[in-house]
Protein backbone atom coordinates (compact mmCIF):
# COMPACT_ATOMS: atom_id res chain seq x y z
CA MET A 1 -0.23 4.78 20.08
CA GLU A 2 -2.00 7.79 21.50
CA GLY A 3 -4.68 10.22 20.52
CA LEU A 4 -6.61 8.47 17.77
CA GLN A 5 -9.90 10.15 18.58
CA GLY A 6 -10.24 13.45 16.76
CA HIS A 7 -7.06 13.22 14.72
CA VAL A 8 -8.38 11.29 11.71
CA PRO A 9 -11.22 13.79 11.02
CA GLN A 10 -8.66 16.59 11.35
CA LEU A 11 -6.38 14.86 8.85
CA ASN A 12 -9.35 14.34 6.56
CA ALA A 13 -10.11 18.05 6.49
CA GLU A 14 -6.46 19.01 5.99
CA ALA A 15 -5.92 16.51 3.22
CA ARG A 16 -8.98 17.61 1.28
CA GLY A 17 -7.78 21.20 1.42
CA GLY A 18 -4.16 20.42 0.50
CA PRO A 19 -2.29 21.46 -2.62
CA LYS A 20 -3.50 20.04 -5.90
CA GLN A 21 -1.36 17.91 -8.19
CA ALA A 22 0.26 19.63 -11.16
CA ARG A 23 -1.51 17.15 -13.42
CA PRO A 24 -5.25 16.57 -12.83
CA LEU A 25 -5.45 13.16 -11.17
CA ALA A 26 -8.65 12.24 -12.99
CA SER A 27 -7.08 12.75 -16.46
CA VAL A 28 -5.28 9.37 -16.53
CA SER A 29 -5.28 6.12 -14.60
CA PRO A 30 -2.72 6.19 -11.79
CA LEU A 31 -1.78 2.61 -12.68
CA ASP A 32 -2.28 0.29 -15.64
CA VAL A 33 -0.64 -3.16 -15.46
CA GLN A 34 -0.93 -5.33 -18.57
CA GLY A 35 0.40 -8.87 -19.03
CA VAL A 36 3.30 -8.51 -16.61
CA SER A 37 5.60 -11.46 -15.97
CA VAL A 38 8.70 -11.46 -13.76
CA ARG A 39 11.32 -14.20 -13.71
CA PHE A 40 14.14 -14.92 -11.27
CA GLY A 41 16.40 -17.32 -13.14
CA ALA A 42 14.38 -20.45 -13.86
CA LEU A 43 11.57 -19.36 -11.54
CA ARG A 44 8.70 -17.35 -12.99
CA ALA A 45 7.46 -15.48 -9.92
CA VAL A 46 4.67 -13.57 -11.69
CA ALA A 47 2.91 -14.65 -14.87
CA ASP A 48 0.67 -12.47 -17.08
CA VAL A 49 -0.66 -10.26 -14.27
CA GLY A 50 -2.94 -7.41 -15.26
CA PHE A 51 -5.17 -4.89 -13.47
CA THR A 52 -5.79 -1.15 -13.24
CA VAL A 53 -6.10 1.35 -10.41
CA GLU A 54 -8.32 4.33 -11.18
CA PRO A 55 -8.32 7.75 -9.49
CA GLY A 56 -10.12 7.62 -6.15
CA GLN A 57 -9.91 3.83 -5.97
CA VAL A 58 -8.32 1.50 -3.42
CA VAL A 59 -7.34 -1.85 -4.93
CA GLY A 60 -6.24 -4.75 -2.76
CA LEU A 61 -3.71 -7.34 -3.91
CA LEU A 62 -4.43 -10.50 -1.93
CA GLY A 63 -2.93 -13.96 -1.83
CA PRO A 64 -1.02 -16.50 0.27
CA ASN A 65 2.68 -16.22 1.09
CA GLY A 66 4.86 -16.57 -1.99
CA CYS A 67 2.06 -15.85 -4.46
CA GLY A 68 3.83 -12.87 -6.08
CA LYS A 69 2.31 -9.87 -4.29
CA THR A 70 5.60 -8.21 -3.33
CA THR A 71 7.19 -9.03 -6.70
CA THR A 72 4.25 -7.37 -8.45
CA LEU A 73 4.50 -4.27 -6.26
CA ARG A 74 8.27 -4.00 -6.79
CA ALA A 75 7.68 -4.09 -10.54
CA VAL A 76 4.94 -1.45 -10.22
CA VAL A 77 7.25 0.98 -8.36
CA GLY A 78 10.15 0.40 -10.78
CA LEU A 79 12.43 -1.74 -8.58
CA LEU A 80 12.11 -4.79 -10.86
CA ARG A 81 12.02 -4.93 -14.65
CA PRO A 82 9.29 -7.24 -16.00
CA GLU A 83 10.26 -9.95 -18.45
CA THR A 84 7.09 -9.23 -20.43
CA GLY A 85 4.17 -6.83 -20.24
CA GLN A 86 3.75 -3.13 -19.59
CA ILE A 87 3.31 -0.95 -16.51
CA VAL A 88 2.07 2.62 -16.97
CA VAL A 89 2.04 4.98 -13.98
CA ASN A 90 0.05 8.19 -14.34
CA GLY A 91 0.48 8.08 -18.11
CA LEU A 92 4.21 7.26 -18.04
CA ALA A 93 5.83 3.91 -18.80
CA GLN A 94 7.42 2.65 -15.59
CA GLY A 95 11.22 2.56 -15.39
CA PRO A 96 12.63 6.08 -15.86
CA PRO A 97 12.92 8.42 -12.84
CA GLY A 98 9.96 10.49 -14.02
CA ALA A 99 7.62 7.52 -13.71
CA ARG A 100 9.06 6.35 -10.39
CA ALA A 101 8.55 9.86 -9.00
CA GLN A 102 4.79 9.47 -9.49
CA VAL A 103 4.67 6.76 -6.80
CA ALA A 104 4.61 6.93 -3.01
CA TYR A 105 5.85 3.51 -1.85
CA VAL A 106 5.72 1.89 1.58
CA PRO A 107 7.78 -1.34 1.64
CA ASP A 108 7.08 -4.26 3.93
CA GLU A 109 10.51 -4.02 5.60
CA PRO A 110 11.87 -0.45 5.95
CA GLU A 111 15.66 -0.76 6.13
CA GLY A 112 18.70 1.49 6.49
CA LEU A 113 19.30 5.00 7.82
CA ASP A 114 19.17 3.71 11.39
CA GLU A 115 21.10 6.70 12.74
CA LEU A 116 18.53 9.24 11.52
CA ALA A 117 15.82 10.45 13.84
CA ALA A 118 12.28 10.02 12.52
CA ALA A 119 11.99 13.78 11.90
CA GLU A 120 15.29 13.77 10.00
CA TYR A 121 14.07 10.91 7.83
CA LEU A 122 10.90 12.83 6.97
CA SER A 123 13.00 15.87 6.01
CA LEU A 124 15.27 13.70 3.86
CA VAL A 125 12.31 12.26 1.94
CA ARG A 126 10.91 15.77 1.42
CA SER A 127 14.26 16.88 -0.07
CA LEU A 128 14.87 13.81 -2.21
CA TYR A 129 11.41 13.95 -3.73
CA ARG A 130 11.44 17.76 -3.98
CA ALA A 131 8.06 17.79 -2.29
CA GLY A 132 6.01 20.98 -2.36
CA ALA A 133 5.28 23.42 0.40
CA GLY A 134 2.37 21.36 1.74
CA TYR A 135 4.55 18.38 2.67
CA ASP A 136 5.33 19.53 6.22
CA ALA A 137 1.69 20.26 7.04
CA ARG A 138 0.55 16.91 5.67
CA ALA A 139 3.33 15.09 7.54
CA ALA A 140 2.38 16.85 10.78
CA GLY A 141 -1.27 15.83 10.37
CA LEU A 142 -0.27 12.24 9.68
CA CYS A 143 2.06 12.18 12.68
CA ASP A 144 -0.80 13.30 14.88
CA ALA A 145 -3.16 10.72 13.39
CA PHE A 146 -0.69 7.89 13.98
CA GLY A 147 0.44 9.20 17.38
CA LEU A 148 4.01 9.52 16.12
CA ARG A 149 4.80 13.06 17.28
CA PRO A 150 6.33 12.04 20.68
CA ARG A 151 8.84 9.82 18.84
CA LEU A 152 10.00 12.19 16.11
CA ARG A 153 13.38 12.69 17.80
CA VAL A 154 13.97 8.96 18.29
CA ARG A 155 16.47 7.22 15.99
CA LEU A 156 14.92 4.86 13.44
CA GLY A 157 17.18 2.09 14.70
CA ALA A 158 15.65 2.41 18.17
CA LEU A 159 12.05 2.14 16.96
CA SER A 160 10.04 -1.06 16.73
CA HIS A 161 9.26 -2.59 13.35
CA GLY A 162 5.71 -1.25 13.54
CA LEU A 163 6.81 2.30 14.36
CA ARG A 164 9.39 2.24 11.57
CA ARG A 165 6.63 1.26 9.19
CA ILE A 166 4.53 4.17 10.45
CA VAL A 167 7.43 6.59 9.81
CA SER A 168 7.70 5.16 6.30
CA MET A 169 3.96 5.60 5.80
CA VAL A 170 3.98 9.20 6.97
CA ALA A 171 6.90 10.03 4.67
CA ALA A 172 5.24 8.41 1.66
CA PHE A 173 1.67 9.60 2.20
CA ALA A 174 2.76 13.21 2.78
CA LEU A 175 4.22 13.30 -0.74
CA ALA A 176 0.66 13.39 -2.18
CA ARG A 177 1.61 11.38 -5.26
CA PRO A 178 -0.92 10.15 -7.86
CA LEU A 179 -0.22 6.51 -6.97
CA VAL A 180 0.20 5.15 -3.43
CA VAL A 181 1.58 1.61 -3.04
CA VAL A 182 1.67 -0.16 0.35
CA ASP A 183 3.15 -3.63 0.80
CA GLU A 184 1.72 -5.88 3.55
CA ALA A 185 -0.37 -2.96 4.71
CA THR A 186 -1.10 -3.97 8.31
CA ALA A 187 2.08 -5.98 9.03
CA ALA A 188 3.50 -5.15 12.50
CA LEU A 189 0.81 -2.51 13.14
CA ASP A 190 -1.24 -2.57 16.32
CA PRO A 191 -5.05 -2.48 15.99
CA GLU A 192 -5.25 1.28 16.50
CA ALA A 193 -2.62 1.99 13.84
CA SER A 194 -4.47 -0.33 11.46
CA ILE A 195 -7.65 1.70 11.96
CA VAL A 196 -5.78 4.94 11.28
CA LEU A 197 -4.18 3.43 8.16
CA ARG A 198 -7.58 2.37 6.88
CA GLU A 199 -8.95 5.90 7.26
CA VAL A 200 -5.84 7.55 5.79
CA LEU A 201 -5.97 5.35 2.69
CA ARG A 202 -9.59 6.30 2.17
CA VAL A 203 -8.70 10.00 2.55
CA LEU A 204 -5.94 9.67 -0.04
CA ALA A 205 -8.36 8.00 -2.42
CA ASP A 206 -11.01 10.65 -1.74
CA ARG A 207 -8.45 13.26 -2.84
CA GLY A 208 -8.14 11.47 -6.20
CA ALA A 209 -5.08 9.29 -5.75
CA GLY A 210 -5.04 5.65 -6.78
CA VAL A 211 -4.11 3.30 -3.93
CA LEU A 212 -2.72 -0.22 -4.29
CA VAL A 213 -2.28 -2.28 -1.12
CA ALA A 214 -0.98 -5.81 -0.66
CA THR A 215 -2.44 -7.48 2.40
CA GLN A 216 -3.29 -10.83 3.90
CA GLU A 217 -5.81 -9.30 6.30
CA LEU A 218 -9.13 -10.14 4.67
CA ALA A 219 -11.16 -8.06 7.13
CA PHE A 220 -8.97 -5.03 6.41
CA ALA A 221 -9.41 -5.55 2.67
CA GLU A 222 -13.19 -5.78 3.05
CA ARG A 223 -13.28 -2.46 4.90
CA VAL A 224 -10.91 -0.37 2.77
CA CYS A 225 -10.74 -1.81 -0.76
CA ASP A 226 -13.08 -0.99 -3.62
CA GLU A 227 -11.74 -3.87 -5.69
CA VAL A 228 -9.51 -6.85 -4.98
CA VAL A 229 -7.15 -8.88 -7.15
CA LEU A 230 -6.46 -12.41 -5.87
CA LEU A 231 -3.10 -13.98 -6.74
CA SER A 232 -2.08 -17.61 -6.47
CA ALA A 233 1.22 -19.08 -7.69
CA GLY A 234 2.04 -15.81 -9.45
CA SER A 235 -1.17 -15.54 -11.48
CA VAL A 236 -4.46 -13.66 -11.10
CA VAL A 237 -7.12 -16.20 -10.14
CA ALA A 238 -9.97 -13.83 -9.31
CA ARG A 239 -10.74 -10.13 -9.24
CA GLY A 240 -13.74 -7.88 -8.86
CA ARG A 241 -15.49 -5.35 -6.71
CA THR A 242 -15.09 -6.15 -3.04
CA ALA A 243 -18.82 -5.89 -2.34
CA GLU A 244 -19.47 -8.62 -4.92
CA LEU A 245 -16.91 -10.99 -3.36
CA ILE A 246 -18.04 -10.78 0.27
CA PRO A 247 -17.68 -12.95 2.28
CA LEU A 248 -14.13 -12.47 1.09
CA GLU A 249 -12.81 -15.41 3.14
CA GLU A 250 -14.82 -17.94 1.12
CA THR A 251 -13.87 -16.30 -2.18
CA PHE A 252 -10.21 -16.25 -1.19
CA LEU A 253 -10.09 -19.91 -0.10
CA SER A 254 -11.87 -21.03 -3.24
CA ALA A 255 -9.83 -18.87 -5.62
CA VAL A 256 -6.42 -19.90 -4.32
CA GLY A 257 -7.38 -23.57 -4.13
CA ALA A 258 -7.02 -23.82 -0.37
CA ARG A 259 -7.46 -27.40 0.77
CA THR A 260 -8.54 -26.61 4.31
CA SER A 261 -11.71 -24.80 5.35
CA ALA A 262 -12.33 -23.38 8.82
CA GLU A 263 -14.70 -26.28 9.53
CA GLU A 264 -12.05 -28.81 8.54
CA VAL A 265 -9.53 -27.14 10.82
CA ARG A 266 -11.94 -27.39 13.75
CA ARG A 267 -12.67 -31.06 13.00
CA GLY A 268 -8.94 -31.78 12.88
CA LEU A 269 -8.41 -30.10 16.23
CA ASP A 270 -11.10 -32.25 17.81
CA ALA A 271 -8.68 -35.16 17.59
CA LEU A 272 -6.01 -33.43 19.68
């Protein structure tokens, strides 16, 4: 990635001056999840999960592999129907197209449309979401921040996993939706891209959006999240303001019932 220095402040200024939402973002919570359970056959992947994301807030969904983070996010964006509970997005019950249109979603594994160039993909998203006139300017600022501009004419299928995720992020963030959802936020990103993502998420929140990120990077969560929700075996085991849970590593290990501490790992390695 190239050209980090100077681009994030420029994006910050552009984003703050961008078009306003039709509905005041502060009038309702971007996301309200209450008692949500999701089942796949006999397996209950998520059980009685609840949390809210307020305007201007970044909430982190943390937990080990298989704990239900992605399932929860897919329910939030309307890709899965909960067995029980309620999900309200910007005042609308999730499910119908109107509610799904309130969400900008970045999946963990962007797939399909390999023959499109990155610029063509951005244009397609703009058309499908009927984005306003500010979309192109926001996308251009994001491309500069992430160093993506030199690769805009490259086919998606020829890009690395990390670069495909960046294209997906640019497309989603430029929509300026009330709720931004990012799965496995830093997966496949290099350190510089992770720094840019951290700053962009804060800019989006500063503009009044609610941001929900699933991540296993505890240091990233400490830097960007206002609150965290810890999942284990499909249930919420801890939640609170990030500042109250630092050091987050100790809180995480205790909350998810981890059997191995860092000290125990080092003692075990002494025997090798």
